[in-house]
Amino acid sequence: MITRQSVRWIKQAACWGRPRLGPNNGPPSGMIRKRRLMDRCHCYTTDSATSTRPRAEGPILPKPTIIYSDNHILVVNKPSGWHVVPNKPEEVVSSKEGEPQSRNTRTKCLLTQLQENRLGGGSQKHFLKPLHRIDQPCTGVVLFAKTSKAASRISKAWKANKVQKTYLCLIQPHNLESLRCNSISIHDNNSNQHHQWWKLEGYQHKRKKRVDSVRGWSVITTPNDPRQDARPVSIRWRQTQLISNVLLVETNQGARHMIRALLSQVGKCPILGDSRYGFNNKSTITPSSSYRHSVALHARGIVLPDDLTLGTTTQRYFEAPIPNRDNIWRDAHGHQIQEQHIQRALEA
């Protein structure tokens, strides 16, 4: 007996090919059941000839841009939303031949994306070793090594605190006074006299606190050292001249969430969009939808030491422009900040 439900299944199966029913005119089986389940979940495979809609695997992320590339190093400007290294099981890139094996064609791993585009070193153009990391919601310069010798030499200089890193971050103007109160005024002989630099110090503890199951673990940074296992961390910062809510941060250290935790937990000045470390979307004039996937912390540049030998590589400073289409980069009046505005503010 063919019921009305069976007729509906036959009509739906006719759109995919020959109709096929299960035992006793029951529900469809095999490929038809799979395609119907995929249609219900709005998931379409890339090898399907009849598929016209894209796969539902999350938002499409902006493409990273190449800043510098030679036979030894690769410098990339990472957009927000990308993991530098694999962070999930479907982002694992391991195989016997060294070929990247990713089960997700829209992976959020920057390392996998670069390897699939054959931008690495070696005979297969797959050798890439990330020399540092920046957080997923942040943007800026990421340095990769294309040879094991370059990775060893740069990593040695990194551990010796010989690599200088520059960051740009957005804050709320009313938190600037509390940041000054918790910082130490310093005098810089290498810069102009009208630039006032400040130093912010703290101690990062090994123990961490878990925010939730999605965002993972957060670090704890305090102004004093109540425990012996705490790690001393410090940054130096100054306010830009033309854009009051943009800070220029410099450091030669590297630790998990170091700048974000120092500014929020010690300086009492969280970065815009950093809800993990105390930023409140309701307290700003910019719509909260701009801060869903981005933190206004940008790795502006990296300076390698002059005594570092990298074959034919002579360039030592690498700079990345701020993202143009990220709504989080706005001044205190709500106007979009462009790269030319940042350059004028840093030169003033």
C-alpha atoms as a PDB file:
ATOM      1  CA  MET A   1       0.000   0.000   0.000  1.00  0.00           C
ATOM      2  CA  ILE A   2       1.401   3.365  -1.046  1.00  0.00           C
ATOM      3  CA  THR A   3       0.609   6.091   1.429  1.00  0.00           C
ATOM      4  CA  ARG A   4       0.669   9.855   0.991  1.00  0.00           C
ATOM      5  CA  GLN A   5       4.027   9.989   2.728  1.00  0.00           C
ATOM      6  CA  SER A   6       5.435   7.542   0.163  1.00  0.00           C
ATOM      7  CA  VAL A   7       4.140   9.720  -2.670  1.00  0.00           C
ATOM      8  CA  ARG A   8       5.930  12.717  -1.204  1.00  0.00           C
ATOM      9  CA  TRP A   9       9.127  10.691  -0.948  1.00  0.00           C
ATOM     10  CA  ILE A  10       8.794   9.636  -4.588  1.00  0.00           C
ATOM     11  CA  LYS A  11       8.321  13.251  -5.713  1.00  0.00           C
ATOM     12  CA  GLN A  12      11.340  14.387  -3.717  1.00  0.00           C
ATOM     13  CA  ALA A  13      13.471  11.507  -4.981  1.00  0.00           C
ATOM     14  CA  ALA A  14      12.549  12.369  -8.570  1.00  0.00           C
ATOM     15  CA  CYS A  15      14.480  15.601  -8.211  1.00  0.00           C
ATOM     16  CA  TRP A  16      17.676  13.627  -7.467  1.00  0.00           C
ATOM     17  CA  GLY A  17      17.338  10.740  -9.896  1.00  0.00           C
ATOM     18  CA  ARG A  18      15.465   7.479 -10.056  1.00  0.00           C
ATOM     19  CA  PRO A  19      13.040   6.950  -7.137  1.00  0.00           C
ATOM     20  CA  ARG A  20      13.947   4.274  -4.668  1.00  0.00           C
ATOM     21  CA  LEU A  21      11.971   3.128  -1.644  1.00  0.00           C
ATOM     22  CA  GLY A  22      12.782   0.881   1.241  1.00  0.00           C
ATOM     23  CA  PRO A  23      11.050  -2.351   2.272  1.00  0.00           C
ATOM     24  CA  ASN A  24       7.228  -2.270   2.195  1.00  0.00           C
ATOM     25  CA  ASN A  25       7.246   1.146   0.529  1.00  0.00           C
ATOM     26  CA  GLY A  26       8.858   2.568   3.646  1.00  0.00           C
ATOM     27  CA  PRO A  27      11.225   5.500   3.978  1.00  0.00           C
ATOM     28  CA  PRO A  28      13.962   5.877   1.327  1.00  0.00           C
ATOM     29  CA  SER A  29      17.327   4.322   2.002  1.00  0.00           C
ATOM     30  CA  GLY A  30      20.900   4.706   0.857  1.00  0.00           C
ATOM     31  CA  MET A  31      21.866   7.796  -1.118  1.00  0.00           C
ATOM     32  CA  ILE A  32      18.338   9.233  -1.172  1.00  0.00           C
ATOM     33  CA  ARG A  33      18.106   9.225   2.602  1.00  0.00           C
ATOM     34  CA  LYS A  34      21.551  10.794   2.817  1.00  0.00           C
ATOM     35  CA  ARG A  35      20.695  13.516   0.333  1.00  0.00           C
ATOM     36  CA  ARG A  36      17.428  14.227   2.070  1.00  0.00           C
ATOM     37  CA  LEU A  37      19.199  14.560   5.413  1.00  0.00           C
ATOM     38  CA  MET A  38      21.775  16.859   3.816  1.00  0.00           C
ATOM     39  CA  ASP A  39      19.000  18.958   2.321  1.00  0.00           C
ATOM     40  CA  ARG A  40      17.293  19.236   5.673  1.00  0.00           C
ATOM     41  CA  CYS A  41      20.549  20.348   7.310  1.00  0.00           C
ATOM     42  CA  HIS A  42      21.478  22.616   4.359  1.00  0.00           C
ATOM     43  CA  CYS A  43      24.787  20.805   3.832  1.00  0.00           C
ATOM     44  CA  TYR A  44      26.046  20.242   0.264  1.00  0.00           C
ATOM     45  CA  THR A  45      29.219  18.453  -0.719  1.00  0.00           C
ATOM     46  CA  THR A  46      31.682  20.015  -3.120  1.00  0.00           C
ATOM     47  CA  ASP A  47      31.780  16.942  -5.394  1.00  0.00           C
ATOM     48  CA  SER A  48      28.043  16.994  -6.054  1.00  0.00           C
ATOM     49  CA  ALA A  49      27.209  17.991  -9.619  1.00  0.00           C
ATOM     50  CA  THR A  50      23.681  19.030  -8.713  1.00  0.00           C
ATOM     51  CA  SER A  51      24.706  21.179  -5.776  1.00  0.00           C
ATOM     52  CA  THR A  52      24.204  24.892  -6.337  1.00  0.00           C
ATOM     53  CA  ARG A  53      24.468  26.106  -2.760  1.00  0.00           C
ATOM     54  CA  PRO A  54      27.768  26.325  -0.836  1.00  0.00           C
ATOM     55  CA  ARG A  55      28.621  24.126   2.088  1.00  0.00           C
ATOM     56  CA  ALA A  56      27.384  25.354   5.451  1.00  0.00           C
ATOM     57  CA  GLU A  57      30.735  25.262   7.312  1.00  0.00           C
ATOM     58  CA  GLY A  58      30.700  28.606   9.053  1.00  0.00           C
ATOM     59  CA  PRO A  59      31.422  32.102   7.867  1.00  0.00           C
ATOM     60  CA  ILE A  60      33.827  32.733   5.002  1.00  0.00           C
ATOM     61  CA  LEU A  61      36.917  34.379   6.467  1.00  0.00           C
ATOM     62  CA  PRO A  62      38.930  37.134   4.766  1.00  0.00           C
ATOM     63  CA  LYS A  63      41.936  35.870   2.860  1.00  0.00           C
ATOM     64  CA  PRO A  64      45.379  36.462   4.406  1.00  0.00           C
ATOM     65  CA  THR A  65      47.803  38.646   2.468  1.00  0.00           C
ATOM     66  CA  ILE A  66      51.491  37.991   1.894  1.00  0.00           C
ATOM     67  CA  ILE A  67      53.775  40.763   3.155  1.00  0.00           C
ATOM     68  CA  TYR A  68      57.149  39.217   2.369  1.00  0.00           C
ATOM     69  CA  SER A  69      58.395  35.896   1.004  1.00  0.00           C
ATOM     70  CA  ASP A  70      61.767  34.451   0.035  1.00  0.00           C
ATOM     71  CA  ASN A  71      63.571  31.120   0.351  1.00  0.00           C
ATOM     72  CA  HIS A  72      63.901  31.405   4.138  1.00  0.00           C
ATOM     73  CA  ILE A  73      60.891  33.159   5.683  1.00  0.00           C
ATOM     74  CA  LEU A  74      57.249  33.965   4.943  1.00  0.00           C
ATOM     75  CA  VAL A  75      55.480  36.948   6.511  1.00  0.00           C
ATOM     76  CA  VAL A  76      51.670  37.051   6.448  1.00  0.00           C
ATOM     77  CA  ASN A  77      49.067  39.614   7.512  1.00  0.00           C
ATOM     78  CA  LYS A  78      46.499  37.504   9.390  1.00  0.00           C
ATOM     79  CA  PRO A  79      42.850  38.626   9.402  1.00  0.00           C
ATOM     80  CA  SER A  80      40.653  38.065  12.440  1.00  0.00           C
ATOM     81  CA  GLY A  81      39.019  34.660  12.825  1.00  0.00           C
ATOM     82  CA  TRP A  82      42.000  32.542  11.720  1.00  0.00           C
ATOM     83  CA  HIS A  83      43.878  30.141  13.986  1.00  0.00           C
ATOM     84  CA  VAL A  84      47.616  30.278  13.324  1.00  0.00           C
ATOM     85  CA  VAL A  85      48.044  26.535  13.985  1.00  0.00           C
ATOM     86  CA  PRO A  86      45.473  23.701  14.005  1.00  0.00           C
ATOM     87  CA  ASN A  87      43.091  24.054  16.912  1.00  0.00           C
ATOM     88  CA  LYS A  88      40.369  21.479  16.115  1.00  0.00           C
ATOM     89  CA  PRO A  89      40.430  17.797  15.013  1.00  0.00           C
ATOM     90  CA  GLU A  90      39.264  18.642  11.505  1.00  0.00           C
ATOM     91  CA  GLU A  91      42.207  21.042  11.134  1.00  0.00           C
ATOM     92  CA  VAL A  92      44.919  18.428  11.712  1.00  0.00           C
ATOM     93  CA  VAL A  93      47.535  18.448   8.937  1.00  0.00           C
ATOM     94  CA  SER A  94      49.629  15.296   9.214  1.00  0.00           C
ATOM     95  CA  SER A  95      50.454  12.576   6.696  1.00  0.00           C
ATOM     96  CA  LYS A  96      53.298  10.253   5.786  1.00  0.00           C
ATOM     97  CA  GLU A  97      54.268  12.163   2.654  1.00  0.00           C
ATOM     98  CA  GLY A  98      54.012  15.570   4.336  1.00  0.00           C
ATOM     99  CA  GLU A  99      50.953  16.515   2.315  1.00  0.00           C
ATOM    100  CA  PRO A 100      48.369  18.579   4.231  1.00  0.00           C
ATOM    101  CA  GLN A 101      45.330  16.444   5.003  1.00  0.00           C
ATOM    102  CA  SER A 102      42.336  18.570   5.975  1.00  0.00           C
ATOM    103  CA  ARG A 103      38.778  17.285   6.186  1.00  0.00           C
ATOM    104  CA  ASN A 104      37.402  20.798   6.059  1.00  0.00           C
ATOM    105  CA  THR A 105      37.883  22.708   2.823  1.00  0.00           C
ATOM    106  CA  ARG A 106      37.181  25.993   4.612  1.00  0.00           C
ATOM    107  CA  THR A 107      39.548  25.432   7.487  1.00  0.00           C
ATOM    108  CA  LYS A 108      40.265  28.311   9.850  1.00  0.00           C
ATOM    109  CA  CYS A 109      43.899  27.259  10.260  1.00  0.00           C
ATOM    110  CA  LEU A 110      46.329  29.687   8.657  1.00  0.00           C
ATOM    111  CA  LEU A 111      49.131  27.104   8.498  1.00  0.00           C
ATOM    112  CA  THR A 112      46.953  24.659   6.553  1.00  0.00           C
ATOM    113  CA  GLN A 113      45.793  27.356   4.150  1.00  0.00           C
ATOM    114  CA  LEU A 114      49.355  28.387   3.329  1.00  0.00           C
ATOM    115  CA  GLN A 115      50.480  24.795   2.861  1.00  0.00           C
ATOM    116  CA  GLU A 116      47.598  24.032   0.506  1.00  0.00           C
ATOM    117  CA  ASN A 117      48.616  27.058  -1.568  1.00  0.00           C
ATOM    118  CA  ARG A 118      52.202  25.727  -1.664  1.00  0.00           C
ATOM    119  CA  LEU A 119      53.743  28.811  -0.096  1.00  0.00           C
ATOM    120  CA  GLY A 120      56.187  26.899   2.095  1.00  0.00           C
ATOM    121  CA  GLY A 121      59.707  25.657   1.573  1.00  0.00           C
ATOM    122  CA  GLY A 122      61.236  22.354   0.554  1.00  0.00           C
ATOM    123  CA  SER A 123      60.738  20.375  -2.624  1.00  0.00           C
ATOM    124  CA  GLN A 124      56.986  20.019  -2.034  1.00  0.00           C
ATOM    125  CA  LYS A 125      56.535  23.657  -0.895  1.00  0.00           C
ATOM    126  CA  HIS A 126      54.889  22.433   2.307  1.00  0.00           C
ATOM    127  CA  PHE A 127      57.519  23.081   4.990  1.00  0.00           C
ATOM    128  CA  LEU A 128      56.306  25.926   7.190  1.00  0.00           C
ATOM    129  CA  LYS A 129      57.006  26.419  10.860  1.00  0.00           C
ATOM    130  CA  PRO A 130      55.170  29.199  12.727  1.00  0.00           C
ATOM    131  CA  LEU A 131      57.648  31.075  14.903  1.00  0.00           C
ATOM    132  CA  HIS A 132      55.010  32.737  17.085  1.00  0.00           C
ATOM    133  CA  ARG A 133      51.243  33.064  17.389  1.00  0.00           C
ATOM    134  CA  ILE A 134      48.650  35.780  17.674  1.00  0.00           C
ATOM    135  CA  ASP A 135      45.178  35.194  19.039  1.00  0.00           C
ATOM    136  CA  GLN A 136      42.336  34.140  16.760  1.00  0.00           C
ATOM    137  CA  PRO A 137      40.242  37.355  17.086  1.00  0.00           C
ATOM    138  CA  CYS A 138      43.326  39.564  16.582  1.00  0.00           C
ATOM    139  CA  THR A 139      45.063  40.618  13.369  1.00  0.00           C
ATOM    140  CA  GLY A 140      48.558  41.431  12.182  1.00  0.00           C
ATOM    141  CA  VAL A 141      52.005  40.083  11.319  1.00  0.00           C
ATOM    142  CA  VAL A 142      52.720  36.361  11.571  1.00  0.00           C
ATOM    143  CA  LEU A 143      56.203  35.044  10.770  1.00  0.00           C
ATOM    144  CA  PHE A 144      56.827  31.566   9.328  1.00  0.00           C
ATOM    145  CA  ALA A 145      60.117  29.814   8.624  1.00  0.00           C
ATOM    146  CA  LYS A 146      60.591  27.919   5.356  1.00  0.00           C
ATOM    147  CA  THR A 147      63.750  26.063   6.428  1.00  0.00           C
ATOM    148  CA  SER A 148      64.767  24.330   9.628  1.00  0.00           C
ATOM    149  CA  LYS A 149      67.899  26.485   9.883  1.00  0.00           C
ATOM    150  CA  ALA A 150      65.910  29.711   9.697  1.00  0.00           C
ATOM    151  CA  ALA A 151      63.438  28.378  12.268  1.00  0.00           C
ATOM    152  CA  SER A 152      66.251  27.473  14.657  1.00  0.00           C
ATOM    153  CA  ARG A 153      68.025  30.841  14.388  1.00  0.00           C
ATOM    154  CA  ILE A 154      64.911  32.988  14.710  1.00  0.00           C
ATOM    155  CA  SER A 155      63.570  30.896  17.603  1.00  0.00           C
ATOM    156  CA  LYS A 156      66.873  31.321  19.425  1.00  0.00           C
ATOM    157  CA  ALA A 157      66.716  35.095  18.977  1.00  0.00           C
ATOM    158  CA  TRP A 158      63.065  35.052  20.089  1.00  0.00           C
ATOM    159  CA  LYS A 159      63.854  33.243  23.330  1.00  0.00           C
ATOM    160  CA  ALA A 160      66.670  35.727  24.018  1.00  0.00           C
ATOM    161  CA  ASN A 161      64.167  38.636  23.725  1.00  0.00           C
ATOM    162  CA  LYS A 162      66.013  40.101  20.747  1.00  0.00           C
ATOM    163  CA  VAL A 163      62.916  40.360  18.520  1.00  0.00           C
ATOM    164  CA  GLN A 164      61.017  43.627  18.923  1.00  0.00           C
ATOM    165  CA  LYS A 165      57.246  43.572  18.342  1.00  0.00           C
ATOM    166  CA  THR A 166      54.940  46.538  17.840  1.00  0.00           C
ATOM    167  CA  TYR A 167      51.173  46.499  18.364  1.00  0.00           C
ATOM    168  CA  LEU A 168      48.247  48.858  17.885  1.00  0.00           C
ATOM    169  CA  CYS A 169      45.183  48.638  20.103  1.00  0.00           C
ATOM    170  CA  LEU A 170      41.963  50.562  20.615  1.00  0.00           C
ATOM    171  CA  ILE A 171      40.735  51.529  24.074  1.00  0.00           C
ATOM    172  CA  GLN A 172      37.957  53.611  25.530  1.00  0.00           C
ATOM    173  CA  PRO A 173      39.162  57.174  26.226  1.00  0.00           C
ATOM    174  CA  HIS A 174      37.734  57.309  29.753  1.00  0.00           C
ATOM    175  CA  ASN A 175      39.971  54.362  30.780  1.00  0.00           C
ATOM    176  CA  LEU A 176      43.164  56.158  29.783  1.00  0.00           C
ATOM    177  CA  GLU A 177      43.552  57.894  33.147  1.00  0.00           C
ATOM    178  CA  SER A 178      43.401  54.616  35.092  1.00  0.00           C
ATOM    179  CA  LEU A 179      45.975  53.139  32.711  1.00  0.00           C
ATOM    180  CA  ARG A 180      48.357  56.031  33.453  1.00  0.00           C
ATOM    181  CA  CYS A 181      47.855  55.615  37.195  1.00  0.00           C
ATOM    182  CA  ASN A 182      48.869  51.951  37.046  1.00  0.00           C
ATOM    183  CA  SER A 183      51.849  52.576  34.723  1.00  0.00           C
ATOM    184  CA  ILE A 184      55.321  54.028  35.268  1.00  0.00           C
ATOM    185  CA  SER A 185      56.455  57.051  33.280  1.00  0.00           C
ATOM    186  CA  ILE A 186      59.715  56.442  31.416  1.00  0.00           C
ATOM    187  CA  HIS A 187      61.998  58.620  29.313  1.00  0.00           C
ATOM    188  CA  ASP A 188      62.994  57.300  25.894  1.00  0.00           C
ATOM    189  CA  ASN A 189      66.240  58.682  24.464  1.00  0.00           C
ATOM    190  CA  ASN A 190      65.666  57.102  21.062  1.00  0.00           C
ATOM    191  CA  SER A 191      62.340  58.818  20.315  1.00  0.00           C
ATOM    192  CA  ASN A 192      61.222  62.426  20.083  1.00  0.00           C
ATOM    193  CA  GLN A 193      60.854  64.377  23.287  1.00  0.00           C
ATOM    194  CA  HIS A 194      57.137  65.091  22.813  1.00  0.00           C
ATOM    195  CA  HIS A 195      56.308  61.362  22.911  1.00  0.00           C
ATOM    196  CA  GLN A 196      55.563  60.314  26.472  1.00  0.00           C
ATOM    197  CA  TRP A 197      56.170  56.610  27.030  1.00  0.00           C
ATOM    198  CA  TRP A 198      54.786  54.526  29.890  1.00  0.00           C
ATOM    199  CA  LYS A 199      55.722  51.094  31.241  1.00  0.00           C
ATOM    200  CA  LEU A 200      53.164  48.581  32.489  1.00  0.00           C
ATOM    201  CA  GLU A 201      54.441  45.620  34.503  1.00  0.00           C
ATOM    202  CA  GLY A 202      52.829  42.568  36.025  1.00  0.00           C
ATOM    203  CA  TYR A 203      53.170  38.885  36.821  1.00  0.00           C
ATOM    204  CA  GLN A 204      51.446  36.172  34.817  1.00  0.00           C
ATOM    205  CA  HIS A 205      50.525  33.062  36.772  1.00  0.00           C
ATOM    206  CA  LYS A 206      50.710  29.510  35.518  1.00  0.00           C
ATOM    207  CA  ARG A 207      47.229  28.745  36.802  1.00  0.00           C
ATOM    208  CA  LYS A 208      44.430  29.788  34.477  1.00  0.00           C
ATOM    209  CA  LYS A 209      40.704  30.245  34.795  1.00  0.00           C
ATOM    210  CA  ARG A 210      38.221  28.743  32.349  1.00  0.00           C
ATOM    211  CA  VAL A 211      35.755  31.222  30.859  1.00  0.00           C
ATOM    212  CA  ASP A 212      33.435  28.706  29.176  1.00  0.00           C
ATOM    213  CA  SER A 213      33.555  25.617  26.971  1.00  0.00           C
ATOM    214  CA  VAL A 214      33.812  27.723  23.799  1.00  0.00           C
ATOM    215  CA  ARG A 215      36.417  30.358  24.653  1.00  0.00           C
ATOM    216  CA  GLY A 216      38.634  28.113  26.755  1.00  0.00           C
ATOM    217  CA  TRP A 217      41.198  29.276  29.295  1.00  0.00           C
ATOM    218  CA  SER A 218      42.185  32.799  30.284  1.00  0.00           C
ATOM    219  CA  VAL A 219      45.364  33.879  32.048  1.00  0.00           C
ATOM    220  CA  ILE A 220      45.627  35.668  35.387  1.00  0.00           C
ATOM    221  CA  THR A 221      47.970  38.666  35.644  1.00  0.00           C
ATOM    222  CA  THR A 222      48.513  40.628  38.867  1.00  0.00           C
ATOM    223  CA  PRO A 223      50.577  43.766  39.630  1.00  0.00           C
ATOM    224  CA  ASN A 224      52.508  41.980  42.413  1.00  0.00           C
ATOM    225  CA  ASP A 225      53.976  38.499  42.818  1.00  0.00           C
ATOM    226  CA  PRO A 226      51.995  36.506  45.395  1.00  0.00           C
ATOM    227  CA  ARG A 227      53.338  33.172  44.111  1.00  0.00           C
ATOM    228  CA  GLN A 228      56.820  32.042  43.179  1.00  0.00           C
ATOM    229  CA  ASP A 229      55.774  30.425  39.899  1.00  0.00           C
ATOM    230  CA  ALA A 230      54.561  33.732  38.408  1.00  0.00           C
ATOM    231  CA  ARG A 231      56.268  35.005  35.263  1.00  0.00           C
ATOM    232  CA  PRO A 232      57.205  38.711  35.038  1.00  0.00           C
ATOM    233  CA  VAL A 233      55.804  40.423  31.935  1.00  0.00           C
ATOM    234  CA  SER A 234      55.963  44.052  30.809  1.00  0.00           C
ATOM    235  CA  ILE A 235      55.046  46.326  27.927  1.00  0.00           C
ATOM    236  CA  ARG A 236      55.714  49.946  27.054  1.00  0.00           C
ATOM    237  CA  TRP A 237      53.041  52.105  25.483  1.00  0.00           C
ATOM    238  CA  ARG A 238      52.218  55.616  24.377  1.00  0.00           C
ATOM    239  CA  GLN A 239      49.165  57.423  23.135  1.00  0.00           C
ATOM    240  CA  THR A 240      49.106  58.482  19.492  1.00  0.00           C
ATOM    241  CA  GLN A 241      48.828  62.187  18.788  1.00  0.00           C
ATOM    242  CA  LEU A 242      45.967  62.437  16.288  1.00  0.00           C
ATOM    243  CA  ILE A 243      43.786  59.501  17.384  1.00  0.00           C
ATOM    244  CA  SER A 244      43.173  59.666  21.118  1.00  0.00           C
ATOM    245  CA  ASN A 245      41.915  56.095  21.613  1.00  0.00           C
ATOM    246  CA  VAL A 246      44.763  54.320  19.757  1.00  0.00           C
ATOM    247  CA  LEU A 247      47.757  53.060  21.741  1.00  0.00           C
ATOM    248  CA  LEU A 248      51.149  52.077  20.358  1.00  0.00           C
ATOM    249  CA  VAL A 249      52.509  49.114  22.352  1.00  0.00           C
ATOM    250  CA  GLU A 250      56.039  47.709  22.170  1.00  0.00           C
ATOM    251  CA  THR A 251      57.505  44.603  23.773  1.00  0.00           C
ATOM    252  CA  ASN A 252      60.195  41.984  23.256  1.00  0.00           C
ATOM    253  CA  GLN A 253      58.449  39.318  25.324  1.00  0.00           C
ATOM    254  CA  GLY A 254      55.826  36.775  24.389  1.00  0.00           C
ATOM    255  CA  ALA A 255      53.234  35.014  26.523  1.00  0.00           C
ATOM    256  CA  ARG A 256      49.647  33.861  26.211  1.00  0.00           C
ATOM    257  CA  HIS A 257      47.266  36.855  26.091  1.00  0.00           C
ATOM    258  CA  MET A 258      50.032  38.996  27.593  1.00  0.00           C
ATOM    259  CA  ILE A 259      48.995  42.418  26.260  1.00  0.00           C
ATOM    260  CA  ARG A 260      45.271  41.772  26.649  1.00  0.00           C
ATOM    261  CA  ALA A 261      45.615  40.590  30.261  1.00  0.00           C
ATOM    262  CA  LEU A 262      48.078  43.325  31.261  1.00  0.00           C
ATOM    263  CA  LEU A 263      45.935  46.170  29.971  1.00  0.00           C
ATOM    264  CA  SER A 264      42.746  44.785  31.486  1.00  0.00           C
ATOM    265  CA  GLN A 265      43.785  43.186  34.786  1.00  0.00           C
ATOM    266  CA  VAL A 266      46.680  45.482  35.747  1.00  0.00           C
ATOM    267  CA  GLY A 267      46.010  48.678  33.797  1.00  0.00           C
ATOM    268  CA  LYS A 268      42.202  48.505  34.243  1.00  0.00           C
ATOM    269  CA  CYS A 269      41.840  49.375  30.554  1.00  0.00           C
ATOM    270  CA  PRO A 270      40.435  46.495  28.439  1.00  0.00           C
ATOM    271  CA  ILE A 271      40.851  46.504  24.678  1.00  0.00           C
ATOM    272  CA  LEU A 272      37.791  47.181  22.542  1.00  0.00           C
ATOM    273  CA  GLY A 273      36.002  43.977  21.645  1.00  0.00           C
ATOM    274  CA  ASP A 274      37.851  41.873  24.223  1.00  0.00           C
ATOM    275  CA  SER A 275      34.868  40.512  26.144  1.00  0.00           C
ATOM    276  CA  ARG A 276      37.066  37.746  27.569  1.00  0.00           C
ATOM    277  CA  TYR A 277      39.004  40.315  29.593  1.00  0.00           C
ATOM    278  CA  GLY A 278      36.277  42.647  30.726  1.00  0.00           C
ATOM    279  CA  PHE A 279      35.183  44.729  27.749  1.00  0.00           C
ATOM    280  CA  ASN A 280      31.484  45.639  27.824  1.00  0.00           C
ATOM    281  CA  ASN A 281      29.803  46.205  24.459  1.00  0.00           C
ATOM    282  CA  LYS A 282      27.072  48.384  25.982  1.00  0.00           C
ATOM    283  CA  SER A 283      29.543  51.031  27.121  1.00  0.00           C
ATOM    284  CA  THR A 284      30.613  52.216  23.654  1.00  0.00           C
ATOM    285  CA  ILE A 285      28.940  54.292  20.962  1.00  0.00           C
ATOM    286  CA  THR A 286      29.777  51.749  18.259  1.00  0.00           C
ATOM    287  CA  PRO A 287      27.181  48.994  17.710  1.00  0.00           C
ATOM    288  CA  SER A 288      27.932  45.814  19.607  1.00  0.00           C
ATOM    289  CA  SER A 289      27.639  43.739  16.432  1.00  0.00           C
ATOM    290  CA  SER A 290      31.036  45.101  15.367  1.00  0.00           C
ATOM    291  CA  TYR A 291      32.745  43.322  18.282  1.00  0.00           C
ATOM    292  CA  ARG A 292      31.411  39.805  17.806  1.00  0.00           C
ATOM    293  CA  HIS A 293      34.411  38.273  16.052  1.00  0.00           C
ATOM    294  CA  SER A 294      37.242  40.808  16.473  1.00  0.00           C
ATOM    295  CA  VAL A 295      39.473  42.253  19.170  1.00  0.00           C
ATOM    296  CA  ALA A 296      41.033  45.631  18.387  1.00  0.00           C
ATOM    297  CA  LEU A 297      44.608  44.391  18.863  1.00  0.00           C
ATOM    298  CA  HIS A 298      46.761  44.500  15.730  1.00  0.00           C
ATOM    299  CA  ALA A 299      50.333  43.210  15.447  1.00  0.00           C
ATOM    300  CA  ARG A 300      51.766  46.179  13.571  1.00  0.00           C
ATOM    301  CA  GLY A 301      55.354  45.106  12.978  1.00  0.00           C
ATOM    302  CA  ILE A 302      58.249  42.795  13.811  1.00  0.00           C
ATOM    303  CA  VAL A 303      61.904  43.859  13.958  1.00  0.00           C
ATOM    304  CA  LEU A 304      64.522  41.102  13.688  1.00  0.00           C
ATOM    305  CA  PRO A 305      68.000  41.682  15.169  1.00  0.00           C
ATOM    306  CA  ASP A 306      70.742  42.876  12.849  1.00  0.00           C
ATOM    307  CA  ASP A 307      73.148  40.098  13.860  1.00  0.00           C
ATOM    308  CA  LEU A 308      70.698  37.428  12.677  1.00  0.00           C
ATOM    309  CA  THR A 309      71.948  35.593   9.581  1.00  0.00           C
ATOM    310  CA  LEU A 310      69.279  34.317   7.201  1.00  0.00           C
ATOM    311  CA  GLY A 311      71.122  33.693   3.936  1.00  0.00           C
ATOM    312  CA  THR A 312      70.106  36.267   1.347  1.00  0.00           C
ATOM    313  CA  THR A 313      67.387  37.815   3.543  1.00  0.00           C
ATOM    314  CA  THR A 314      68.398  41.408   4.296  1.00  0.00           C
ATOM    315  CA  GLN A 315      65.073  42.897   5.349  1.00  0.00           C
ATOM    316  CA  ARG A 316      64.677  43.126   9.121  1.00  0.00           C
ATOM    317  CA  TYR A 317      61.436  45.089   9.606  1.00  0.00           C
ATOM    318  CA  PHE A 318      58.037  43.804   8.506  1.00  0.00           C
ATOM    319  CA  GLU A 319      54.887  45.890   8.830  1.00  0.00           C
ATOM    320  CA  ALA A 320      51.209  45.020   8.353  1.00  0.00           C
ATOM    321  CA  PRO A 321      48.448  47.575   7.671  1.00  0.00           C
ATOM    322  CA  ILE A 322      45.316  47.536   9.793  1.00  0.00           C
ATOM    323  CA  PRO A 323      42.229  45.774   8.373  1.00  0.00           C
ATOM    324  CA  ASN A 324      40.218  48.118   6.164  1.00  0.00           C
ATOM    325  CA  ARG A 325      36.837  46.394   6.408  1.00  0.00           C
ATOM    326  CA  ASP A 326      36.785  45.676  10.141  1.00  0.00           C
ATOM    327  CA  ASN A 327      34.131  47.852  11.778  1.00  0.00           C
ATOM    328  CA  ILE A 328      35.854  47.665  15.144  1.00  0.00           C
ATOM    329  CA  TRP A 329      38.600  50.087  14.084  1.00  0.00           C
ATOM    330  CA  ARG A 330      36.836  53.382  14.775  1.00  0.00           C
ATOM    331  CA  ASP A 331      37.965  56.507  16.567  1.00  0.00           C
ATOM    332  CA  ALA A 332      36.328  58.087  19.624  1.00  0.00           C
ATOM    333  CA  HIS A 333      33.760  59.819  17.378  1.00  0.00           C
ATOM    334  CA  GLY A 334      32.725  56.619  15.584  1.00  0.00           C
ATOM    335  CA  HIS A 335      34.571  57.330  12.299  1.00  0.00           C
ATOM    336  CA  GLN A 336      36.300  54.493  10.472  1.00  0.00           C
ATOM    337  CA  ILE A 337      40.098  54.475  10.918  1.00  0.00           C
ATOM    338  CA  GLN A 338      42.076  53.908   7.735  1.00  0.00           C
ATOM    339  CA  GLU A 339      45.714  52.991   7.225  1.00  0.00           C
ATOM    340  CA  GLN A 340      46.654  56.538   6.196  1.00  0.00           C
ATOM    341  CA  HIS A 341      45.218  57.815   9.482  1.00  0.00           C
ATOM    342  CA  ILE A 342      47.434  55.436  11.422  1.00  0.00           C
ATOM    343  CA  GLN A 343      50.530  56.466   9.490  1.00  0.00           C
ATOM    344  CA  ARG A 344      49.898  60.168  10.137  1.00  0.00           C
ATOM    345  CA  ALA A 345      49.233  59.483  13.822  1.00  0.00           C
ATOM    346  CA  LEU A 346      52.493  57.563  14.229  1.00  0.00           C
ATOM    347  CA  GLU A 347      54.527  60.190  12.381  1.00  0.00           C
ATOM    348  CA  ALA A 348      53.093  63.117  14.355  1.00  0.00           C
END
